[in-house]
Amino acid sequence: MADASPYTPPVEDYAFLFTDAFGLDLVARATAGELTAEDATDIIAGAGDFAASVIAPLEVIGDTVGARLVDGQVHLPDGFAAAYRAFVDAGWVTAEAPVSAGGDGLPGAVRAGLGEIWNASNAAFALCWLLTSGQIHALDAAASDRIRETYLAKLVSGEWTGTMNLTEPDAGTDLGAIRSMATPRDDGSWALRGQKIFITWGDHDIAENIVHLVLARTPGAPDGAKGLSLFVVPKILVNDDGSLGERNAVTTVAIEHKLGIHGSPTCVLAYEDATGYLVGEVGGGLAGMFVMMNSARAGMGFQATGIADRAYQQASTYAAGRLQGGVLERPTGTPIAEHPDVRRLLLSMSSKIFAMRALGVYVGDLLDRAESDSSVTKLAEFFVPILKGWTTEDAIAVTSDAIQVYGGMGFIEETGAAQHYRDVRITTIYEGTTAIQSNDLVGRKVLRNSGATVAELFGQVDATVAQLRGFDHPVAVRTADRLRRAVEASRRATADLLGFAASPRDAYAVSVPYLMLLGTLAGGWMHALAVLAVLGRGTASDVDAARLTSADFYGAHHLPRVHALAETVAGGEIG
């Protein structure tokens, strides 16, 4: 069995992102001065210490032992329940919940950092409160006072956990095909009947109750997605005085045997006239669920960043200690980290991870600002599929490169390198595949407004290029030139995409390449902002030098993908 690799939280990066990278204290702006970047960095450091000491040590046992279904009840490995209690007692669930729901309302930029840290330390475990967090947002937006008092308060405290129930055996991406039925009862409750599959943390033994958020049809509802309504269905019924009563008619039929995230129980649930309660209006289910889905999609970006960073940290540590053969133009005894290609792999990974991390902070902040400033709403919504799609796709590449650094030992489970690759592989699939994200991006956020929102992004990148030209530092000069050419290629690709409006198949056939183009461009922009921040403050630390090297590498090795992807977009559907 592999030992859990030590985890070092990226506190210094988050301090830089909160304070310097975007030209202002993001946290102070988001909280009207109630919190500062220094406060937020302390929060990230505290979370990192907790994650490294309490959650990360459970990663290997979660993978090797995993969740088990025994006599209709799912059991998690030893240590999971105690770790979850410690997580709740430390206030981390409440900290991330919005103030309107009874939480502390940490700003989005900080939640991005927390999301990365929880997932880097133990992605399978972190999925539990990722789904709970999404349900908190959904209920906060649409639930009645009774549901808020009975269920939302318990979710915010962390005493109960939440799930999202969409998928059925014959209804995956096509939610309009859902056939689960909810029938009204005289007492105001509903009887739900049907089967749901792929339900993350659908059953477990680490909290006293589970609240399922279920999409189902109602009698006489129209066909398709417009006929869906949203229901709260508890695992254990709640008495009028708030105490727990009898087990609801929700049965765990099976848990899936998966490629990765073994410590996350993925369940098949049968609803057999289970008692549920309507959330919002009849027929308003999809709108209510999308609140949760958008939260989860952003969370997938943070998850991908976290898993990628854990894989990188492990590979970097291995490479720094591994001696194998002579290293070109280096003294005897130099570890493999200095082999030119291993160094390339490590820089490739770390430069991608910084870009993902920075974009997560940027999008988290945008989503916060969109709640009170409608002028940034479209840009915030525009970035959600990019954050989800691009980070998850590139995280797979990062975890694959981590295995490559190990060589043959990376293919051996005992080293632990393979787990990160297996765990991250699902991220491009659940909460909407990359194609679902790209179809949303192209159809709703580019074609629908004739490219107005993406033009706003290009304008911001142009402004950064102009600022870079104010420095004669060689990295600034190279970054400005590379970014200028990349945004020009992106404009051409967007024009080609808009030209496909009359032939939608051409546009959608290249929607994933277009999403990856914009994600790669955004990553280059994040590095360019870092270059501006480093050169603007005029310091010359080793950390600053590393940031410049990372930006230079990204510009030379990753940003050129924009040009190739632009060629792909121009081709439309082939054949």
Protein backbone atom coordinates (compact mmCIF):
# COMPACT_ATOMS: atom_id res chain seq x y z
CA MET A 1 0.00 0.00 0.00
CA ALA A 2 1.24 3.50 -0.82
CA ASP A 3 1.85 5.99 1.91
CA ALA A 4 -0.11 9.23 1.67
CA SER A 5 2.29 11.79 0.21
CA PRO A 6 2.80 14.93 2.30
CA TYR A 7 0.72 17.89 1.17
CA THR A 8 1.96 21.48 1.22
CA PRO A 9 -0.83 24.04 0.77
CA PRO A 10 -0.01 26.84 -1.72
CA VAL A 11 -0.40 29.65 0.81
CA GLU A 12 2.18 31.92 -0.79
CA ASP A 13 0.46 31.75 -4.18
CA TYR A 14 -2.89 32.69 -2.67
CA ALA A 15 -1.35 35.59 -0.74
CA PHE A 16 0.03 36.84 -4.07
CA LEU A 17 -3.28 36.37 -5.87
CA PHE A 18 -5.35 38.06 -3.17
CA THR A 19 -2.99 41.02 -2.83
CA ASP A 20 -0.91 41.67 -5.94
CA ALA A 21 -1.85 39.74 -9.07
CA PHE A 22 -5.04 41.64 -9.89
CA GLY A 23 -3.76 45.05 -8.84
CA LEU A 24 -5.80 45.38 -5.64
CA ASP A 25 -6.89 43.61 -2.47
CA LEU A 26 -9.60 41.37 -3.92
CA VAL A 27 -10.82 40.28 -0.52
CA ALA A 28 -11.20 43.79 0.88
CA ARG A 29 -13.21 44.80 -2.19
CA ALA A 30 -15.45 41.74 -1.92
CA THR A 31 -16.17 42.27 1.78
CA ALA A 32 -16.23 46.09 1.88
CA GLY A 33 -13.17 45.99 4.11
CA GLU A 34 -14.50 43.50 6.68
CA LEU A 35 -11.76 41.09 5.63
CA THR A 36 -8.43 41.83 3.97
CA ALA A 37 -6.08 39.77 1.83
CA GLU A 38 -3.98 39.21 4.94
CA ASP A 39 -7.01 37.80 6.76
CA ALA A 40 -7.82 35.58 3.80
CA THR A 41 -4.26 34.30 3.65
CA ASP A 42 -4.51 33.34 7.32
CA ILE A 43 -7.72 31.46 6.52
CA ILE A 44 -6.01 29.62 3.65
CA ALA A 45 -3.06 28.76 5.90
CA GLY A 46 -5.37 27.44 8.62
CA ALA A 47 -7.30 25.35 6.10
CA GLY A 48 -4.05 24.05 4.68
CA ASP A 49 -2.81 22.95 8.08
CA PHE A 50 -6.12 21.22 8.80
CA ALA A 51 -6.21 19.53 5.39
CA ALA A 52 -2.61 18.35 5.58
CA SER A 53 -2.94 16.92 9.07
CA VAL A 54 -6.52 15.59 9.17
CA ILE A 55 -7.81 14.93 5.63
CA ALA A 56 -4.75 14.12 3.52
CA PRO A 57 -3.70 11.10 5.62
CA LEU A 58 -7.01 9.43 4.69
CA GLU A 59 -6.47 9.70 0.94
CA VAL A 60 -4.78 6.32 0.51
CA ILE A 61 -7.16 4.31 2.70
CA GLY A 62 -10.05 5.96 0.89
CA ASP A 63 -8.58 4.71 -2.39
CA THR A 64 -7.56 1.22 -1.30
CA VAL A 65 -10.46 0.34 1.02
CA GLY A 66 -13.12 2.65 -0.36
CA ALA A 67 -16.81 2.81 0.42
CA ARG A 68 -18.60 -0.49 1.15
CA LEU A 69 -22.30 -1.38 1.04
CA VAL A 70 -23.25 -3.76 3.87
CA ASP A 71 -26.88 -4.74 4.52
CA GLY A 72 -28.24 -1.68 2.75
CA GLN A 73 -25.96 0.83 4.52
CA VAL A 74 -22.83 2.42 3.09
CA HIS A 75 -19.80 2.46 5.36
CA LEU A 76 -16.71 4.62 4.89
CA PRO A 77 -13.16 3.63 5.88
CA ASP A 78 -11.92 4.11 9.43
CA GLY A 79 -11.14 7.73 10.18
CA PHE A 80 -13.59 9.33 7.76
CA ALA A 81 -16.33 9.99 10.31
CA ALA A 82 -13.92 11.50 12.83
CA ALA A 83 -12.35 13.68 10.15
CA TYR A 84 -15.75 14.92 9.02
CA ARG A 85 -16.73 15.77 12.59
CA ALA A 86 -13.49 17.68 13.00
CA PHE A 87 -14.17 19.51 9.73
CA VAL A 88 -17.64 20.52 10.94
CA ASP A 89 -16.47 21.44 14.42
CA ALA A 90 -13.77 23.67 12.93
CA GLY A 91 -16.54 25.60 11.15
CA TRP A 92 -15.43 25.04 7.59
CA VAL A 93 -18.89 24.14 6.21
CA THR A 94 -20.48 27.19 7.82
CA ALA A 95 -17.60 29.42 6.71
CA GLU A 96 -18.26 28.81 3.03
CA ALA A 97 -22.08 29.06 3.17
CA PRO A 98 -23.64 32.40 2.18
CA VAL A 99 -24.73 34.84 4.87
CA SER A 100 -28.30 34.71 3.55
CA ALA A 101 -28.36 31.00 4.39
CA GLY A 102 -26.92 31.49 7.86
CA GLY A 103 -23.26 30.99 6.97
CA ASP A 104 -20.20 33.19 7.29
CA GLY A 105 -20.16 34.06 3.60
CA LEU A 106 -16.46 33.89 2.79
CA PRO A 107 -15.85 35.61 -0.55
CA GLY A 108 -15.58 33.62 -3.77
CA ALA A 109 -11.85 34.20 -4.18
CA VAL A 110 -11.23 32.61 -0.78
CA ARG A 111 -13.64 29.74 -1.48
CA ALA A 112 -11.64 29.02 -4.63
CA GLY A 113 -8.55 28.54 -2.49
CA LEU A 114 -10.38 26.39 0.03
CA GLY A 115 -11.86 24.27 -2.76
CA GLU A 116 -8.41 23.59 -4.13
CA ILE A 117 -6.99 22.71 -0.71
CA TRP A 118 -9.77 20.30 0.26
CA ASN A 119 -9.53 18.51 -3.08
CA ALA A 120 -5.75 18.39 -3.15
CA SER A 121 -5.72 16.77 0.26
CA ASN A 122 -8.47 14.23 -0.49
CA ALA A 123 -10.69 14.71 -3.53
CA ALA A 124 -13.03 11.80 -2.79
CA PHE A 125 -13.68 13.09 0.73
CA ALA A 126 -14.09 16.70 -0.40
CA LEU A 127 -16.93 15.75 -2.73
CA CYS A 128 -19.15 15.31 0.33
CA TRP A 129 -19.26 18.98 1.25
CA LEU A 130 -18.94 20.16 -2.36
CA LEU A 131 -22.40 18.70 -3.00
CA THR A 132 -23.65 19.99 0.35
CA SER A 133 -22.44 23.47 -0.57
CA GLY A 134 -24.25 23.32 -3.90
CA GLN A 135 -27.47 22.28 -2.23
CA ILE A 136 -27.14 25.11 0.28
CA HIS A 137 -27.05 27.59 -2.60
CA ALA A 138 -30.03 25.96 -4.32
CA LEU A 139 -32.21 25.93 -1.19
CA ASP A 140 -31.13 29.44 -0.26
CA ALA A 141 -32.38 30.63 -3.65
CA ALA A 142 -35.76 28.87 -3.77
CA ALA A 143 -36.79 27.04 -0.58
CA SER A 144 -39.79 27.91 1.59
CA ASP A 145 -39.32 29.09 5.17
CA ARG A 146 -40.26 25.62 6.45
CA ILE A 147 -37.61 23.91 4.32
CA ARG A 148 -35.03 26.53 5.30
CA GLU A 149 -35.71 26.00 8.98
CA THR A 150 -35.90 22.21 8.81
CA TYR A 151 -33.19 21.35 6.29
CA LEU A 152 -31.10 24.33 5.22
CA ALA A 153 -30.00 25.20 8.75
CA LYS A 154 -28.75 21.64 9.32
CA LEU A 155 -26.83 21.67 6.03
CA VAL A 156 -25.19 24.99 6.84
CA SER A 157 -24.11 23.71 10.26
CA GLY A 158 -22.68 20.59 8.63
CA GLU A 159 -24.77 18.30 10.83
CA TRP A 160 -26.43 16.88 7.70
CA THR A 161 -25.03 16.46 4.19
CA GLY A 162 -26.67 17.03 0.81
CA THR A 163 -26.79 15.34 -2.58
CA MET A 164 -27.91 16.15 -6.12
CA ASN A 165 -30.20 13.56 -7.80
CA LEU A 166 -30.54 14.05 -11.55
CA THR A 167 -29.30 11.06 -13.51
CA GLU A 168 -31.41 7.98 -14.21
CA PRO A 169 -30.62 4.81 -16.20
CA ASP A 170 -32.22 6.30 -19.32
CA ALA A 171 -31.65 9.98 -18.57
CA GLY A 172 -28.06 11.15 -18.44
CA THR A 173 -27.26 14.38 -20.26
CA ASP A 174 -30.86 14.51 -21.50
CA LEU A 175 -32.63 15.60 -18.32
CA GLY A 176 -35.86 15.91 -20.26
CA ALA A 177 -35.94 12.10 -20.29
CA ILE A 178 -36.26 11.88 -16.48
CA ARG A 179 -39.14 9.59 -15.48
CA SER A 180 -39.09 9.65 -11.67
CA MET A 181 -42.55 10.67 -10.49
CA ALA A 182 -43.72 12.81 -7.57
CA THR A 183 -47.36 12.53 -6.57
CA PRO A 184 -48.98 15.04 -4.19
CA ARG A 185 -50.40 13.93 -0.84
CA ASP A 186 -53.15 15.54 1.18
CA ASP A 187 -50.74 16.67 3.91
CA GLY A 188 -48.70 18.82 1.50
CA SER A 189 -45.89 16.33 1.08
CA TRP A 190 -45.16 14.37 -2.10
CA ALA A 191 -44.56 10.66 -2.74
CA LEU A 192 -41.51 10.12 -4.96
CA ARG A 193 -40.99 6.96 -6.96
CA GLY A 194 -38.14 6.10 -9.34
CA GLN A 195 -34.46 5.23 -9.51
CA LYS A 196 -31.47 7.58 -9.56
CA ILE A 197 -27.91 6.58 -10.47
CA PHE A 198 -24.43 8.08 -10.05
CA ILE A 199 -25.44 9.86 -6.84
CA THR A 200 -22.28 11.21 -5.22
CA TRP A 201 -22.21 10.58 -1.47
CA GLY A 202 -25.76 9.23 -1.83
CA ASP A 203 -25.38 7.19 1.34
CA HIS A 204 -22.78 7.07 4.13
CA ASP A 205 -22.29 6.82 7.87
CA ILE A 206 -20.44 10.04 8.72
CA ALA A 207 -23.45 12.32 9.39
CA GLU A 208 -26.80 11.63 11.03
CA ASN A 209 -28.93 12.52 8.01
CA ILE A 210 -28.68 13.06 4.26
CA VAL A 211 -30.84 15.52 2.32
CA HIS A 212 -31.44 14.51 -1.29
CA LEU A 213 -32.34 17.18 -3.83
CA VAL A 214 -34.33 15.30 -6.47
CA LEU A 215 -35.61 16.18 -9.94
CA ALA A 216 -38.91 14.46 -10.74
CA ARG A 217 -42.08 14.82 -12.78
CA THR A 218 -45.50 15.67 -11.40
CA PRO A 219 -48.87 14.37 -12.65
CA GLY A 220 -49.94 16.11 -15.84
CA ALA A 221 -46.59 17.85 -16.29
CA PRO A 222 -45.50 18.56 -19.88
CA ASP A 223 -42.88 16.37 -21.53
CA GLY A 224 -39.25 17.43 -21.49
CA ALA A 225 -37.30 19.56 -19.06
CA LYS A 226 -40.18 22.00 -18.50
CA GLY A 227 -42.11 19.24 -16.74
CA LEU A 228 -39.53 18.77 -13.97
CA SER A 229 -39.90 19.91 -10.38
CA LEU A 230 -37.44 19.92 -7.49
CA PHE A 231 -37.92 18.13 -4.18
CA VAL A 232 -36.13 17.76 -0.86
CA VAL A 233 -36.18 14.11 0.22
CA PRO A 234 -34.46 13.26 3.53
CA LYS A 235 -32.87 9.87 4.17
CA ILE A 236 -34.46 9.96 7.64
CA LEU A 237 -37.77 11.72 8.13
CA VAL A 238 -37.85 14.77 10.38
CA ASN A 239 -40.49 15.09 13.09
CA ASP A 240 -42.39 18.33 13.70
CA ASP A 241 -40.14 19.16 16.65
CA GLY A 242 -37.02 18.79 14.49
CA SER A 243 -35.96 15.42 15.87
CA LEU A 244 -35.21 12.52 13.56
CA GLY A 245 -37.92 9.94 13.03
CA GLU A 246 -38.28 6.89 10.81
CA ARG A 247 -36.17 5.91 7.82
CA ASN A 248 -37.64 7.29 4.61
CA ALA A 249 -38.43 4.97 1.71
CA VAL A 250 -35.09 5.61 -0.01
CA THR A 251 -33.01 2.47 -0.55
CA THR A 252 -29.37 2.23 -1.52
CA VAL A 253 -29.48 -0.46 -4.18
CA ALA A 254 -25.77 -0.47 -5.00
CA ILE A 255 -22.58 1.52 -5.03
CA GLU A 256 -20.65 1.83 -8.28
CA HIS A 257 -17.21 0.26 -8.72
CA LYS A 258 -15.25 3.11 -10.26
CA LEU A 259 -11.90 3.92 -11.85
CA GLY A 260 -11.11 6.42 -9.11
CA ILE A 261 -12.43 8.49 -6.16
CA HIS A 262 -13.06 5.21 -4.33
CA GLY A 263 -13.56 6.99 -1.02
CA SER A 264 -16.60 8.78 -2.45
CA PRO A 265 -19.66 6.48 -2.40
CA THR A 266 -21.40 6.76 -5.77
CA CYS A 267 -24.82 5.25 -5.23
CA VAL A 268 -27.82 3.82 -7.02
CA LEU A 269 -30.88 5.00 -5.06
CA ALA A 270 -34.43 3.66 -5.30
CA TYR A 271 -37.31 5.92 -4.25
CA GLU A 272 -40.32 3.83 -3.29
CA ASP A 273 -43.03 6.38 -2.48
CA ALA A 274 -40.45 8.27 -0.44
CA THR A 275 -41.68 11.41 1.31
CA GLY A 276 -40.47 14.65 -0.23
CA TYR A 277 -41.22 18.36 -0.18
CA LEU A 278 -41.48 20.73 -3.13
CA VAL A 279 -38.74 23.34 -3.54
CA GLY A 280 -39.95 26.42 -5.39
CA GLU A 281 -42.77 26.11 -7.92
CA VAL A 282 -44.11 23.11 -9.77
CA GLY A 283 -42.25 22.99 -13.09
CA GLY A 284 -39.40 25.10 -11.79
CA GLY A 285 -37.10 22.21 -11.05
CA LEU A 286 -34.45 22.76 -13.68
CA ALA A 287 -33.97 26.43 -12.80
CA GLY A 288 -33.56 25.51 -9.14
CA MET A 289 -31.17 22.68 -9.88
CA PHE A 290 -29.02 24.85 -12.15
CA VAL A 291 -28.16 27.01 -9.14
CA MET A 292 -26.62 23.91 -7.59
CA MET A 293 -25.08 22.75 -10.85
CA ASN A 294 -23.32 26.07 -11.52
CA SER A 295 -21.91 26.01 -8.00
CA ALA A 296 -20.72 22.45 -8.57
CA ARG A 297 -19.24 23.28 -11.98
CA ALA A 298 -17.08 26.03 -10.53
CA GLY A 299 -16.19 23.59 -7.77
CA MET A 300 -14.97 21.10 -10.37
CA GLY A 301 -12.45 23.69 -11.53
CA PHE A 302 -11.12 23.97 -7.99
CA GLN A 303 -11.11 20.17 -7.67
CA ALA A 304 -9.11 19.77 -10.86
CA THR A 305 -6.59 22.36 -9.70
CA GLY A 306 -6.21 20.62 -6.35
CA ILE A 307 -5.70 17.12 -7.74
CA ALA A 308 -3.25 18.45 -10.33
CA ASP A 309 -1.23 20.24 -7.67
CA ARG A 310 -1.09 17.17 -5.42
CA ALA A 311 0.18 15.12 -8.37
CA TYR A 312 2.75 17.79 -9.19
CA GLN A 313 3.97 18.05 -5.60
CA GLN A 314 4.44 14.31 -5.38
CA ALA A 315 6.26 14.12 -8.74
CA SER A 316 8.45 17.10 -7.90
CA THR A 317 9.47 15.58 -4.57
CA TYR A 318 10.28 12.28 -6.25
CA ALA A 319 12.33 13.95 -9.00
CA ALA A 320 14.28 16.03 -6.50
CA GLY A 321 15.45 12.89 -4.70
CA ARG A 322 15.78 10.37 -7.51
CA LEU A 323 19.29 9.70 -8.88
CA GLN A 324 19.41 7.99 -12.25
CA GLY A 325 22.29 8.34 -14.67
CA GLY A 326 24.31 11.41 -15.49
CA VAL A 327 22.54 14.73 -15.98
CA LEU A 328 23.65 16.80 -18.95
CA GLU A 329 26.00 19.66 -17.92
CA ARG A 330 25.36 19.04 -14.23
CA PRO A 331 27.70 17.56 -11.58
CA THR A 332 27.64 13.91 -10.56
CA GLY A 333 24.89 13.18 -8.07
CA THR A 334 22.39 15.62 -9.59
CA PRO A 335 18.83 14.25 -9.30
CA ILE A 336 16.58 13.63 -12.29
CA ALA A 337 14.73 16.92 -11.68
CA GLU A 338 17.58 18.58 -13.62
CA HIS A 339 17.33 16.34 -16.68
CA PRO A 340 16.15 18.77 -19.40
CA ASP A 341 12.98 16.87 -20.20
CA VAL A 342 12.05 16.18 -16.58
CA ARG A 343 12.57 19.87 -15.84
CA ARG A 344 10.32 20.62 -18.83
CA LEU A 345 7.62 18.32 -17.47
CA LEU A 346 7.78 19.88 -14.02
CA LEU A 347 7.61 23.43 -15.39
CA SER A 348 4.79 22.40 -17.71
CA MET A 349 2.80 21.11 -14.75
CA SER A 350 3.51 23.98 -12.38
CA SER A 351 2.85 26.71 -14.96
CA LYS A 352 -0.52 25.17 -15.84
CA ILE A 353 -1.44 24.83 -12.18
CA PHE A 354 -0.69 28.48 -11.45
CA ALA A 355 -2.85 29.50 -14.41
CA MET A 356 -5.71 27.30 -13.15
CA ARG A 357 -5.32 28.60 -9.60
CA ALA A 358 -5.31 32.23 -10.70
CA LEU A 359 -8.32 31.77 -12.98
CA GLY A 360 -10.21 30.11 -10.12
CA VAL A 361 -9.61 33.16 -7.91
CA TYR A 362 -10.58 35.51 -10.74
CA VAL A 363 -13.81 33.65 -11.50
CA GLY A 364 -14.69 33.26 -7.82
CA ASP A 365 -14.36 37.01 -7.43
CA LEU A 366 -16.36 37.66 -10.61
CA LEU A 367 -19.24 35.50 -9.37
CA ASP A 368 -19.32 37.49 -6.13
CA ARG A 369 -19.32 40.80 -7.95
CA ALA A 370 -22.09 39.61 -10.27
CA GLU A 371 -24.44 39.32 -7.28
CA SER A 372 -24.45 43.09 -6.85
CA ASP A 373 -23.19 44.40 -10.19
CA SER A 374 -25.15 43.31 -13.25
CA SER A 375 -22.46 44.69 -15.55
CA VAL A 376 -20.20 41.72 -14.77
CA THR A 377 -22.91 39.03 -14.73
CA LYS A 378 -22.43 37.95 -18.34
CA LEU A 379 -18.66 37.78 -17.98
CA ALA A 380 -18.97 35.72 -14.79
CA GLU A 381 -21.39 33.28 -16.44
CA PHE A 382 -19.16 33.18 -19.53
CA PHE A 383 -16.20 31.98 -17.50
CA VAL A 384 -17.95 29.15 -15.60
CA PRO A 385 -17.83 26.60 -18.48
CA ILE A 386 -14.27 27.65 -19.31
CA LEU A 387 -13.15 27.17 -15.73
CA LYS A 388 -14.85 23.78 -15.52
CA GLY A 389 -13.89 22.51 -18.98
CA TRP A 390 -10.34 23.78 -19.44
CA THR A 391 -9.02 23.07 -15.94
CA THR A 392 -10.38 19.53 -15.86
CA GLU A 393 -9.01 18.64 -19.30
CA ASP A 394 -5.59 20.05 -18.49
CA ALA A 395 -5.57 18.46 -15.04
CA ILE A 396 -5.71 15.08 -16.74
CA ALA A 397 -2.63 16.05 -18.72
CA VAL A 398 -0.87 17.24 -15.56
CA THR A 399 -1.54 14.02 -13.66
CA SER A 400 -0.39 12.01 -16.68
CA ASP A 401 2.84 14.02 -16.80
CA ALA A 402 3.32 13.31 -13.09
CA ILE A 403 3.30 9.58 -13.85
CA GLN A 404 5.81 10.22 -16.64
CA VAL A 405 8.20 11.91 -14.20
CA TYR A 406 8.23 8.71 -12.15
CA GLY A 407 8.91 6.57 -15.19
CA GLY A 408 7.97 2.92 -14.70
CA MET A 409 7.39 3.45 -10.98
CA GLY A 410 4.58 5.85 -11.82
CA PHE A 411 2.67 2.94 -13.33
CA ILE A 412 2.94 1.01 -10.07
CA GLU A 413 0.11 1.68 -7.63
CA GLU A 414 2.37 1.56 -4.57
CA THR A 415 3.94 4.93 -5.42
CA GLY A 416 0.54 6.66 -5.31
CA ALA A 417 1.12 8.57 -8.56
CA ALA A 418 -1.56 6.66 -10.44
CA GLN A 419 -4.29 7.51 -7.94
CA HIS A 420 -4.31 11.17 -8.92
CA TYR A 421 -4.68 10.26 -12.60
CA ARG A 422 -7.54 7.88 -11.80
CA ASP A 423 -9.24 10.34 -9.48
CA VAL A 424 -9.10 13.29 -11.85
CA ARG A 425 -10.38 11.39 -14.89
CA ILE A 426 -14.03 11.81 -13.86
CA THR A 427 -13.80 15.60 -13.68
CA THR A 428 -14.27 16.08 -17.42
CA ILE A 429 -17.45 13.97 -17.21
CA TYR A 430 -19.50 14.73 -14.12
CA GLU A 431 -21.36 18.00 -13.59
CA GLY A 432 -21.58 18.15 -17.36
CA THR A 433 -19.01 16.78 -19.80
CA THR A 434 -16.54 19.09 -21.51
CA ALA A 435 -18.82 19.06 -24.56
CA ILE A 436 -21.76 20.16 -22.41
CA GLN A 437 -19.64 23.04 -21.13
CA SER A 438 -18.47 23.99 -24.61
CA ASN A 439 -21.98 23.80 -26.06
CA ASP A 440 -23.14 26.15 -23.32
CA LEU A 441 -20.22 28.47 -24.00
CA VAL A 442 -20.69 28.57 -27.76
CA GLY A 443 -24.47 28.49 -27.92
CA ARG A 444 -25.53 30.67 -25.01
CA LYS A 445 -22.50 32.85 -24.42
CA VAL A 446 -20.94 33.49 -27.82
CA LEU A 447 -23.39 32.95 -30.68
CA ARG A 448 -26.40 34.27 -28.77
CA ASN A 449 -24.90 37.75 -28.28
CA SER A 450 -22.73 37.76 -31.42
CA GLY A 451 -19.51 37.52 -29.44
CA ALA A 452 -20.04 40.62 -27.29
CA THR A 453 -18.91 38.99 -24.03
CA VAL A 454 -15.84 37.30 -25.48
CA ALA A 455 -14.92 40.65 -27.06
CA GLU A 456 -14.91 42.09 -23.54
CA LEU A 457 -12.39 39.44 -22.51
CA PHE A 458 -10.22 40.22 -25.52
CA GLY A 459 -10.31 43.90 -24.62
CA GLN A 460 -9.06 43.16 -21.12
CA VAL A 461 -6.24 41.04 -22.52
CA ASP A 462 -5.33 43.89 -24.89
CA ALA A 463 -5.10 46.24 -21.92
CA THR A 464 -2.72 43.85 -20.17
CA VAL A 465 -0.54 43.64 -23.29
CA ALA A 466 -0.36 47.44 -23.37
CA GLN A 467 0.73 47.52 -19.72
CA LEU A 468 3.42 44.92 -20.33
CA ARG A 469 4.90 47.12 -23.03
CA GLY A 470 5.71 49.65 -20.33
CA PHE A 471 8.50 47.35 -19.07
CA ASP A 472 11.73 46.55 -20.89
CA HIS A 473 12.29 43.34 -18.95
CA PRO A 474 12.82 40.47 -21.44
CA VAL A 475 10.05 38.33 -19.92
CA ALA A 476 7.60 41.24 -20.19
CA VAL A 477 8.61 41.84 -23.81
CA ARG A 478 8.21 38.17 -24.76
CA THR A 479 4.96 37.78 -22.82
CA ALA A 480 3.44 40.87 -24.45
CA ASP A 481 4.32 39.64 -27.94
CA ARG A 482 3.08 36.09 -27.36
CA LEU A 483 -0.14 37.24 -25.74
CA ARG A 484 -0.79 39.80 -28.49
CA ARG A 485 -0.47 37.11 -31.17
CA ALA A 486 -2.61 34.70 -29.16
CA VAL A 487 -5.47 37.17 -28.72
CA GLU A 488 -5.34 37.99 -32.44
CA ALA A 489 -5.66 34.27 -33.23
CA SER A 490 -8.52 34.05 -30.73
CA ARG A 491 -10.33 36.91 -32.46
CA ARG A 492 -9.97 35.15 -35.80
CA ALA A 493 -11.28 31.91 -34.33
CA THR A 494 -14.24 33.74 -32.83
CA ALA A 495 -15.02 35.37 -36.18
CA ASP A 496 -14.89 31.94 -37.82
CA LEU A 497 -17.21 30.55 -35.14
CA LEU A 498 -19.69 33.39 -35.60
CA GLY A 499 -19.56 32.70 -39.32
CA PHE A 500 -20.96 29.23 -38.63
CA ALA A 501 -24.19 30.65 -37.19
CA ALA A 502 -26.11 29.48 -40.24
CA SER A 503 -24.65 25.96 -39.97
CA PRO A 504 -24.75 25.07 -36.26
CA ARG A 505 -23.12 21.66 -36.71
CA ASP A 506 -19.91 23.40 -37.80
CA ALA A 507 -19.94 25.56 -34.67
CA TYR A 508 -20.69 22.75 -32.23
CA ALA A 509 -18.24 20.33 -33.88
CA VAL A 510 -15.42 22.66 -32.78
CA SER A 511 -16.92 23.90 -29.53
CA VAL A 512 -14.51 21.91 -27.34
CA PRO A 513 -11.42 23.18 -29.22
CA TYR A 514 -12.83 26.70 -28.91
CA LEU A 515 -13.33 26.30 -25.16
CA MET A 516 -9.78 24.98 -24.79
CA LEU A 517 -8.51 27.90 -26.86
CA LEU A 518 -10.15 30.42 -24.54
CA GLY A 519 -9.00 28.54 -21.43
CA THR A 520 -5.42 28.48 -22.70
CA LEU A 521 -5.63 32.18 -23.55
CA ALA A 522 -7.05 32.95 -20.11
CA GLY A 523 -4.18 31.02 -18.54
CA GLY A 524 -1.70 33.14 -20.48
CA TRP A 525 -3.52 36.25 -19.34
CA MET A 526 -3.27 35.14 -15.71
CA HIS A 527 0.49 34.71 -16.11
CA ALA A 528 0.76 38.11 -17.79
CA LEU A 529 -0.97 39.71 -14.82
CA ALA A 530 1.52 37.95 -12.54
CA VAL A 531 4.41 39.37 -14.58
CA LEU A 532 2.96 42.87 -14.23
CA ALA A 533 2.58 42.42 -10.47
CA VAL A 534 6.13 41.12 -10.00
CA LEU A 535 7.78 43.79 -12.13
CA GLY A 536 5.54 46.51 -10.76
CA ARG A 537 6.69 46.03 -7.18
CA GLY A 538 10.34 45.89 -8.19
CA THR A 539 11.45 43.09 -5.87
CA ALA A 540 13.94 40.41 -6.81
CA SER A 541 13.22 37.41 -4.59
CA ASP A 542 13.61 33.79 -5.63
CA VAL A 543 9.83 33.47 -5.59
CA ASP A 544 9.47 36.42 -7.95
CA ALA A 545 12.08 34.94 -10.27
CA ALA A 546 10.18 31.64 -10.27
CA ARG A 547 6.94 33.45 -11.19
CA LEU A 548 8.66 35.06 -14.17
CA THR A 549 10.14 31.73 -15.27
CA SER A 550 6.72 30.09 -14.99
CA ALA A 551 5.09 32.82 -17.09
CA ASP A 552 7.84 32.64 -19.68
CA PHE A 553 7.50 28.86 -19.91
CA TYR A 554 3.72 28.99 -20.22
CA GLY A 555 4.03 31.57 -22.99
CA ALA A 556 6.52 29.45 -24.93
CA HIS A 557 5.08 25.98 -24.35
CA HIS A 558 1.34 26.32 -23.72
CA LEU A 559 0.10 29.58 -25.20
CA PRO A 560 1.06 28.50 -28.76
CA ARG A 561 -1.73 25.92 -28.53
CA VAL A 562 -4.09 28.83 -29.18
CA HIS A 563 -2.84 29.08 -32.77
CA ALA A 564 -3.30 25.38 -33.47
CA LEU A 565 -6.75 25.39 -31.89
CA ALA A 566 -7.71 28.43 -33.96
CA GLU A 567 -6.89 26.43 -37.09
CA THR A 568 -9.10 23.62 -35.82
CA VAL A 569 -11.98 26.01 -35.15
CA ALA A 570 -11.69 27.49 -38.64
CA GLY A 571 -12.17 24.02 -40.13
CA GLY A 572 -15.61 23.46 -38.62
CA GLU A 573 -17.06 19.97 -39.00
CA ILE A 574 -14.89 17.84 -41.26
CA GLY A 575 -16.48 15.38 -43.64
